[in-house]
C-alpha atoms as a PDB file:
ATOM      1  CA  UNK A   1      16.353 -27.695 -16.908  1.00  0.00           C
ATOM      2  CA  UNK A   2      14.331 -25.305 -15.286  1.00  0.00           C
ATOM      3  CA  UNK A   3      15.312 -24.470 -11.449  1.00  0.00           C
ATOM      4  CA  UNK A   4      12.059 -26.630 -10.497  1.00  0.00           C
ATOM      5  CA  UNK A   5      12.861 -29.399 -12.733  1.00  0.00           C
ATOM      6  CA  UNK A   6      16.392 -29.460 -11.291  1.00  0.00           C
ATOM      7  CA  UNK A   7      14.884 -29.842  -7.819  1.00  0.00           C
ATOM      8  CA  UNK A   8      12.256 -32.554  -8.803  1.00  0.00           C
ATOM      9  CA  UNK A   9      15.608 -34.732 -10.621  1.00  0.00           C
ATOM     10  CA  UNK A  10      17.400 -34.422  -7.157  1.00  0.00           C
ATOM     11  CA  UNK A  11      13.886 -35.026  -4.795  1.00  0.00           C
ATOM     12  CA  UNK A  12      13.384 -38.614  -7.020  1.00  0.00           C
ATOM     13  CA  UNK A  13      16.757 -39.985  -7.724  1.00  0.00           C
ATOM     14  CA  UNK A  14      16.734 -41.654  -4.186  1.00  0.00           C
ATOM     15  CA  UNK A  15      13.500 -43.180  -4.342  1.00  0.00           C
ATOM     16  CA  UNK A  16      13.969 -44.400  -8.219  1.00  0.00           C
ATOM     17  CA  UNK A  17      17.386 -46.503  -7.130  1.00  0.00           C
ATOM     18  CA  UNK A  18      15.488 -47.992  -3.257  1.00  0.00           C
ATOM     19  CA  UNK A  19      15.618 -51.211  -3.347  1.00  0.00           C
ATOM     20  CA  UNK A  20      12.324 -53.329  -2.553  1.00  0.00           C
ATOM     21  CA  UNK A  21      13.645 -54.267   0.896  1.00  0.00           C
ATOM     22  CA  UNK A  22      12.926 -50.494   1.984  1.00  0.00           C
ATOM     23  CA  UNK A  23       9.380 -50.358   0.880  1.00  0.00           C
ATOM     24  CA  UNK A  24       6.392 -50.721   2.766  1.00  0.00           C
ATOM     25  CA  UNK A  25       2.594 -51.283   1.847  1.00  0.00           C
ATOM     26  CA  UNK A  26       0.602 -48.517   1.777  1.00  0.00           C
ATOM     27  CA  UNK A  27      -3.452 -49.183   2.056  1.00  0.00           C
ATOM     28  CA  UNK A  28      -5.678 -46.447  -0.063  1.00  0.00           C
ATOM     29  CA  UNK A  29      -9.439 -45.980  -1.120  1.00  0.00           C
ATOM     30  CA  UNK A  30     -11.884 -43.387  -2.638  1.00  0.00           C
ATOM     31  CA  UNK A  31     -13.984 -41.904   0.041  1.00  0.00           C
ATOM     32  CA  UNK A  32     -16.582 -44.495  -0.379  1.00  0.00           C
ATOM     33  CA  UNK A  33     -14.397 -47.181  -0.158  1.00  0.00           C
ATOM     34  CA  UNK A  34     -15.886 -49.020  -2.953  1.00  0.00           C
ATOM     35  CA  UNK A  35     -12.359 -48.735  -4.920  1.00  0.00           C
ATOM     36  CA  UNK A  36      -9.655 -50.164  -2.655  1.00  0.00           C
ATOM     37  CA  UNK A  37      -6.046 -50.218  -3.848  1.00  0.00           C
ATOM     38  CA  UNK A  38      -2.470 -51.188  -2.202  1.00  0.00           C
ATOM     39  CA  UNK A  39       0.897 -50.116  -3.263  1.00  0.00           C
ATOM     40  CA  UNK A  40       4.570 -50.150  -2.658  1.00  0.00           C
ATOM     41  CA  UNK A  41       6.792 -47.412  -2.025  1.00  0.00           C
ATOM     42  CA  UNK A  42       8.703 -45.880   1.294  1.00  0.00           C
ATOM     43  CA  UNK A  43       7.072 -44.862   4.324  1.00  0.00           C
ATOM     44  CA  UNK A  44       9.169 -41.294   4.053  1.00  0.00           C
ATOM     45  CA  UNK A  45       6.839 -40.222   0.461  1.00  0.00           C
ATOM     46  CA  UNK A  46       8.374 -38.257  -2.199  1.00  0.00           C
ATOM     47  CA  UNK A  47       5.437 -36.526  -3.674  1.00  0.00           C
ATOM     48  CA  UNK A  48       4.754 -33.997  -6.672  1.00  0.00           C
ATOM     49  CA  UNK A  49       2.014 -30.804  -6.714  1.00  0.00           C
ATOM     50  CA  UNK A  50       1.035 -30.302 -10.089  1.00  0.00           C
ATOM     51  CA  UNK A  51       0.343 -26.672 -11.387  1.00  0.00           C
ATOM     52  CA  UNK A  52      -1.993 -28.203 -14.503  1.00  0.00           C
ATOM     53  CA  UNK A  53      -5.365 -27.424 -14.617  1.00  0.00           C
ATOM     54  CA  UNK A  54      -7.178 -30.863 -13.337  1.00  0.00           C
ATOM     55  CA  UNK A  55      -4.289 -31.199 -10.763  1.00  0.00           C
ATOM     56  CA  UNK A  56      -4.893 -27.604  -9.221  1.00  0.00           C
ATOM     57  CA  UNK A  57      -8.543 -28.291  -9.471  1.00  0.00           C
ATOM     58  CA  UNK A  58      -8.801 -31.855  -7.763  1.00  0.00           C
ATOM     59  CA  UNK A  59      -5.832 -31.263  -4.972  1.00  0.00           C
ATOM     60  CA  UNK A  60      -4.109 -34.412  -6.686  1.00  0.00           C
ATOM     61  CA  UNK A  61      -0.501 -34.741  -5.097  1.00  0.00           C
ATOM     62  CA  UNK A  62       1.296 -37.872  -6.828  1.00  0.00           C
ATOM     63  CA  UNK A  63       2.985 -39.950  -6.131  1.00  0.00           C
ATOM     64  CA  UNK A  64       4.002 -42.385  -9.271  1.00  0.00           C
ATOM     65  CA  UNK A  65       4.487 -46.164  -9.129  1.00  0.00           C
ATOM     66  CA  UNK A  66       5.656 -48.468 -11.265  1.00  0.00           C
ATOM     67  CA  UNK A  67       2.057 -50.610 -12.488  1.00  0.00           C
ATOM     68  CA  UNK A  68       4.134 -53.559 -10.948  1.00  0.00           C
ATOM     69  CA  UNK A  69       3.870 -52.069  -7.523  1.00  0.00           C
ATOM     70  CA  UNK A  70       0.308 -51.148  -7.702  1.00  0.00           C
ATOM     71  CA  UNK A  71      -2.900 -53.502  -6.683  1.00  0.00           C
ATOM     72  CA  UNK A  72      -6.262 -52.876  -6.952  1.00  0.00           C
ATOM     73  CA  UNK A  73      -8.262 -54.713  -4.387  1.00  0.00           C
ATOM     74  CA  UNK A  74     -12.088 -53.993  -5.105  1.00  0.00           C
ATOM     75  CA  UNK A  75     -13.612 -51.812  -7.158  1.00  0.00           C
ATOM     76  CA  UNK A  76     -13.062 -52.023 -11.020  1.00  0.00           C
ATOM     77  CA  UNK A  77     -16.218 -52.016 -11.667  1.00  0.00           C
ATOM     78  CA  UNK A  78     -16.813 -48.790  -9.944  1.00  0.00           C
ATOM     79  CA  UNK A  79     -14.299 -46.730 -11.963  1.00  0.00           C
ATOM     80  CA  UNK A  80     -15.540 -44.586 -14.977  1.00  0.00           C
ATOM     81  CA  UNK A  81     -12.277 -43.007 -16.630  1.00  0.00           C
ATOM     82  CA  UNK A  82     -11.837 -38.784 -18.405  1.00  0.00           C
ATOM     83  CA  UNK A  83      -9.615 -38.082 -20.873  1.00  0.00           C
ATOM     84  CA  UNK A  84      -9.151 -34.761 -22.584  1.00  0.00           C
ATOM     85  CA  UNK A  85      -6.540 -32.704 -24.393  1.00  0.00           C
ATOM     86  CA  UNK A  86      -4.051 -35.496 -25.824  1.00  0.00           C
ATOM     87  CA  UNK A  87      -6.213 -38.318 -24.384  1.00  0.00           C
ATOM     88  CA  UNK A  88      -3.191 -39.890 -22.833  1.00  0.00           C
ATOM     89  CA  UNK A  89      -3.717 -39.810 -19.640  1.00  0.00           C
ATOM     90  CA  UNK A  90      -6.595 -42.160 -18.056  1.00  0.00           C
ATOM     91  CA  UNK A  91      -8.060 -40.332 -15.201  1.00  0.00           C
ATOM     92  CA  UNK A  92     -10.209 -42.749 -13.172  1.00  0.00           C
ATOM     93  CA  UNK A  93     -12.681 -41.883 -10.716  1.00  0.00           C
ATOM     94  CA  UNK A  94     -15.275 -43.670  -8.419  1.00  0.00           C
ATOM     95  CA  UNK A  95     -18.196 -43.198  -9.810  1.00  0.00           C
ATOM     96  CA  UNK A  96     -19.987 -43.366  -6.523  1.00  0.00           C
ATOM     97  CA  UNK A  97     -18.229 -40.666  -4.296  1.00  0.00           C
ATOM     98  CA  UNK A  98     -16.600 -39.264  -7.741  1.00  0.00           C
ATOM     99  CA  UNK A  99     -12.905 -39.170  -6.041  1.00  0.00           C
ATOM    100  CA  UNK A 100      -9.752 -40.169  -8.253  1.00  0.00           C
ATOM    101  CA  UNK A 101      -7.439 -42.211  -6.141  1.00  0.00           C
ATOM    102  CA  UNK A 102      -5.355 -42.600  -8.755  1.00  0.00           C
ATOM    103  CA  UNK A 103      -5.072 -42.786 -13.022  1.00  0.00           C
ATOM    104  CA  UNK A 104      -2.705 -43.416 -15.447  1.00  0.00           C
ATOM    105  CA  UNK A 105      -0.587 -40.330 -16.252  1.00  0.00           C
ATOM    106  CA  UNK A 106       0.539 -39.264 -19.565  1.00  0.00           C
ATOM    107  CA  UNK A 107       4.245 -38.769 -18.145  1.00  0.00           C
ATOM    108  CA  UNK A 108       4.266 -42.275 -16.858  1.00  0.00           C
ATOM    109  CA  UNK A 109       1.844 -44.260 -18.967  1.00  0.00           C
ATOM    110  CA  UNK A 110       3.933 -47.620 -18.197  1.00  0.00           C
ATOM    111  CA  UNK A 111       3.370 -46.472 -14.246  1.00  0.00           C
ATOM    112  CA  UNK A 112      -0.104 -45.495 -12.061  1.00  0.00           C
ATOM    113  CA  UNK A 113      -0.123 -41.921 -10.369  1.00  0.00           C
ATOM    114  CA  UNK A 114      -1.610 -42.291  -6.425  1.00  0.00           C
ATOM    115  CA  UNK A 115      -3.311 -39.280  -4.848  1.00  0.00           C
ATOM    116  CA  UNK A 116      -1.346 -39.311  -1.658  1.00  0.00           C
ATOM    117  CA  UNK A 117      -4.238 -37.639  -0.003  1.00  0.00           C
ATOM    118  CA  UNK A 118      -6.288 -40.654  -0.256  1.00  0.00           C
ATOM    119  CA  UNK A 119      -3.258 -43.384   1.297  1.00  0.00           C
ATOM    120  CA  UNK A 120      -4.096 -44.203   4.929  1.00  0.00           C
ATOM    121  CA  UNK A 121      -1.972 -42.172   7.555  1.00  0.00           C
ATOM    122  CA  UNK A 122      -1.122 -44.732   9.552  1.00  0.00           C
ATOM    123  CA  UNK A 123       2.107 -45.747   7.447  1.00  0.00           C
ATOM    124  CA  UNK A 124       2.777 -42.802   6.239  1.00  0.00           C
ATOM    125  CA  UNK A 125       6.317 -41.510   7.944  1.00  0.00           C
ATOM    126  CA  UNK A 126       6.297 -38.248   6.259  1.00  0.00           C
ATOM    127  CA  UNK A 127       5.754 -36.654   2.923  1.00  0.00           C
ATOM    128  CA  UNK A 128       8.070 -34.275   0.805  1.00  0.00           C
ATOM    129  CA  UNK A 129       6.376 -32.702  -1.821  1.00  0.00           C
ATOM    130  CA  UNK A 130       8.505 -30.871  -4.783  1.00  0.00           C
ATOM    131  CA  UNK A 131       6.416 -28.870  -6.992  1.00  0.00           C
ATOM    132  CA  UNK A 132       5.642 -29.449 -10.849  1.00  0.00           C
ATOM    133  CA  UNK A 133       5.440 -26.914 -13.052  1.00  0.00           C
ATOM    134  CA  UNK A 134       3.408 -27.604 -15.549  1.00  0.00           C
ATOM    135  CA  UNK A 135       4.713 -24.789 -18.093  1.00  0.00           C
ATOM    136  CA  UNK A 136       7.701 -26.789 -18.081  1.00  0.00           C
ATOM    137  CA  UNK A 137       6.000 -29.949 -18.637  1.00  0.00           C
ATOM    138  CA  UNK A 138       8.479 -31.929 -21.233  1.00  0.00           C
ATOM    139  CA  UNK A 139      11.999 -30.716 -19.005  1.00  0.00           C
ATOM    140  CA  UNK A 140       9.682 -31.912 -15.965  1.00  0.00           C
ATOM    141  CA  UNK A 141       8.214 -35.273 -17.327  1.00  0.00           C
ATOM    142  CA  UNK A 142      11.915 -35.989 -18.632  1.00  0.00           C
ATOM    143  CA  UNK A 143      12.939 -35.501 -14.301  1.00  0.00           C
ATOM    144  CA  UNK A 144      10.315 -38.202 -13.423  1.00  0.00           C
ATOM    145  CA  UNK A 145      10.375 -40.728 -16.278  1.00  0.00           C
ATOM    146  CA  UNK A 146      11.736 -42.914 -14.025  1.00  0.00           C
ATOM    147  CA  UNK A 147       9.527 -43.088 -11.582  1.00  0.00           C
ATOM    148  CA  UNK A 148       7.411 -45.783 -13.222  1.00  0.00           C
ATOM    149  CA  UNK A 149      10.438 -48.206 -14.020  1.00  0.00           C
ATOM    150  CA  UNK A 150      11.722 -50.691 -11.729  1.00  0.00           C
ATOM    151  CA  UNK A 151      15.213 -50.763 -11.305  1.00  0.00           C
END
């Protein structure tokens, strides 16, 4: 496992063991507000910055949560989907403003990957960002596989 993957595993080990009592509700939305959601996550967010082509081009900052800790509050009918390469990732974005506030990731198809940039800042204590090197995707995915599981 490369140095970046080891760092990812260390950074996220505490998050996967976090009891639900230490989680708070964060609200988020797309730019126009038609797509709104909430998640349960720590106030101090451990996020990933992936260097793959789509993440780099859209400046997506990743927070992967179990599907049970994500709730779409409004905008299901406003979402459209984009897939490429393997088709496993379901990139969903608002058809009005074009913002991708969350998607179903290839690495964690049982979870939801939220763009930290789309969360309301009021409930965020801090954001610690760890690089995710797409050139080491297999090892990186192994290091984050636990993020979408309720443990």
